[in-house]
C-alpha atoms as a PDB file:
ATOM      1  CA  MET A   1      94.047 -29.790  91.961  1.00  0.00           C
ATOM      2  CA  ARG A   2      96.395 -32.754  92.188  1.00  0.00           C
ATOM      3  CA  ASP A   3      94.353 -34.314  94.988  1.00  0.00           C
ATOM      4  CA  ALA A   4      91.078 -33.944  93.098  1.00  0.00           C
ATOM      5  CA  ILE A   5      92.498 -35.563  89.949  1.00  0.00           C
ATOM      6  CA  GLU A   6      94.044 -38.356  92.025  1.00  0.00           C
ATOM      7  CA  MET A   7      90.741 -39.107  93.757  1.00  0.00           C
ATOM      8  CA  ILE A   8      88.880 -39.300  90.435  1.00  0.00           C
ATOM      9  CA  VAL A   9      91.535 -41.432  88.718  1.00  0.00           C
ATOM     10  CA  LYS A  10      91.714 -43.882  91.633  1.00  0.00           C
ATOM     11  CA  SER A  11      87.951 -44.341  91.492  1.00  0.00           C
ATOM     12  CA  LEU A  12      88.173 -45.233  87.776  1.00  0.00           C
ATOM     13  CA  VAL A  13      90.993 -47.804  87.764  1.00  0.00           C
ATOM     14  CA  ASP A  14      91.284 -51.362  89.074  1.00  0.00           C
ATOM     15  CA  ASP A  15      94.888 -51.121  90.338  1.00  0.00           C
ATOM     16  CA  LYS A  16      94.734 -48.151  92.725  1.00  0.00           C
ATOM     17  CA  GLU A  17      98.275 -48.760  93.998  1.00  0.00           C
ATOM     18  CA  ALA A  18      99.758 -48.132  90.531  1.00  0.00           C
ATOM     19  CA  VAL A  19      98.308 -44.608  90.302  1.00  0.00           C
ATOM     20  CA  ASP A  20     101.006 -41.941  90.403  1.00  0.00           C
ATOM     21  CA  ILE A  21     100.181 -38.255  89.930  1.00  0.00           C
ATOM     22  CA  ARG A  22     102.917 -35.625  89.646  1.00  0.00           C
ATOM     23  CA  GLU A  23     102.870 -31.895  89.123  1.00  0.00           C
ATOM     24  CA  VAL A  24     105.573 -30.330  86.971  1.00  0.00           C
ATOM     25  CA  GLU A  25     105.949 -26.558  86.609  1.00  0.00           C
ATOM     26  CA  GLN A  26     106.500 -25.497  83.002  1.00  0.00           C
ATOM     27  CA  ARG A  27     106.589 -21.938  81.659  1.00  0.00           C
ATOM     28  CA  GLY A  28     104.038 -20.476  84.045  1.00  0.00           C
ATOM     29  CA  ALA A  29     101.716 -23.476  83.896  1.00  0.00           C
ATOM     30  CA  THR A  30     101.402 -26.706  85.830  1.00  0.00           C
ATOM     31  CA  LEU A  31     101.512 -30.026  84.006  1.00  0.00           C
ATOM     32  CA  ILE A  32      99.743 -32.836  85.862  1.00  0.00           C
ATOM     33  CA  GLU A  33     101.209 -36.183  84.813  1.00  0.00           C
ATOM     34  CA  VAL A  34      98.996 -39.215  85.409  1.00  0.00           C
ATOM     35  CA  ARG A  35     100.608 -42.649  85.496  1.00  0.00           C
ATOM     36  CA  VAL A  36      98.468 -45.781  85.806  1.00  0.00           C
ATOM     37  CA  ALA A  37      98.929 -49.491  85.185  1.00  0.00           C
ATOM     38  CA  SER A  38      99.011 -50.419  81.499  1.00  0.00           C
ATOM     39  CA  GLN A  39      95.716 -52.308  81.714  1.00  0.00           C
ATOM     40  CA  ASP A  40      93.995 -49.197  83.136  1.00  0.00           C
ATOM     41  CA  VAL A  41      95.071 -46.664  80.503  1.00  0.00           C
ATOM     42  CA  GLY A  42      91.963 -47.357  78.417  1.00  0.00           C
ATOM     43  CA  LYS A  43      89.728 -46.661  81.389  1.00  0.00           C
ATOM     44  CA  ILE A  44      91.321 -43.252  81.876  1.00  0.00           C
ATOM     45  CA  ILE A  45      91.030 -42.376  78.188  1.00  0.00           C
ATOM     46  CA  GLY A  46      87.448 -43.647  77.905  1.00  0.00           C
ATOM     47  CA  LYS A  47      85.355 -44.204  74.813  1.00  0.00           C
ATOM     48  CA  GLN A  48      86.429 -41.768  72.111  1.00  0.00           C
ATOM     49  CA  GLY A  49      88.531 -39.930  74.724  1.00  0.00           C
ATOM     50  CA  LYS A  50      85.550 -38.622  76.657  1.00  0.00           C
ATOM     51  CA  THR A  51      86.900 -39.427  80.125  1.00  0.00           C
ATOM     52  CA  ILE A  52      90.286 -37.788  79.615  1.00  0.00           C
ATOM     53  CA  ARG A  53      88.582 -34.808  78.004  1.00  0.00           C
ATOM     54  CA  ALA A  54      86.366 -34.442  81.077  1.00  0.00           C
ATOM     55  CA  LEU A  55      89.393 -34.647  83.396  1.00  0.00           C
ATOM     56  CA  ARG A  56      91.173 -31.980  81.353  1.00  0.00           C
ATOM     57  CA  SER A  57      88.088 -29.767  81.532  1.00  0.00           C
ATOM     58  CA  LEU A  58      88.012 -30.118  85.316  1.00  0.00           C
ATOM     59  CA  ALA A  59      91.677 -29.173  85.517  1.00  0.00           C
ATOM     60  CA  LYS A  60      91.077 -26.142  83.310  1.00  0.00           C
ATOM     61  CA  ILE A  61      88.067 -24.994  85.348  1.00  0.00           C
ATOM     62  CA  GLY A  62      89.925 -25.522  88.635  1.00  0.00           C
ATOM     63  CA  GLY A  63      92.858 -23.544  87.303  1.00  0.00           C
ATOM     64  CA  THR A  64      90.602 -20.691  86.285  1.00  0.00           C
ATOM     65  CA  LYS A  65      89.295 -20.416  89.834  1.00  0.00           C
ATOM     66  CA  GLN A  66      92.876 -20.324  91.171  1.00  0.00           C
ATOM     67  CA  ASN A  67      94.252 -18.049  88.419  1.00  0.00           C
ATOM     68  CA  ARG A  68      96.600 -20.817  87.257  1.00  0.00           C
ATOM     69  CA  ARG A  69      96.911 -22.939  84.133  1.00  0.00           C
ATOM     70  CA  TYR A  70      96.759 -26.710  84.454  1.00  0.00           C
ATOM     71  CA  PHE A  71      97.401 -29.265  81.741  1.00  0.00           C
ATOM     72  CA  LEU A  72      96.714 -32.968  82.180  1.00  0.00           C
ATOM     73  CA  GLU A  73      98.671 -35.702  80.424  1.00  0.00           C
ATOM     74  CA  ILE A  74      98.742 -39.500  80.623  1.00  0.00           C
ATOM     75  CA  VAL A  75     102.334 -40.757  80.828  1.00  0.00           C
ATOM     76  CA  GLU A  76     103.131 -44.355  80.008  1.00  0.00           C
END
């Protein structure tokens, strides 16, 4: 899941080198932390949060197929 999210995020931002994706295990679920350059945060969030909502939906669907729970969060 981490690789899929990383590929999508890198295609959205201008500064691909600043993208950092980490997985943190928390209470039976996996938190995916997305770090990008400050000027690219808006691109990840999207208009009215549509892009981040779509990324979270993908993580949820991917987790369902793997019988795991994924949560996605933008960390500044």
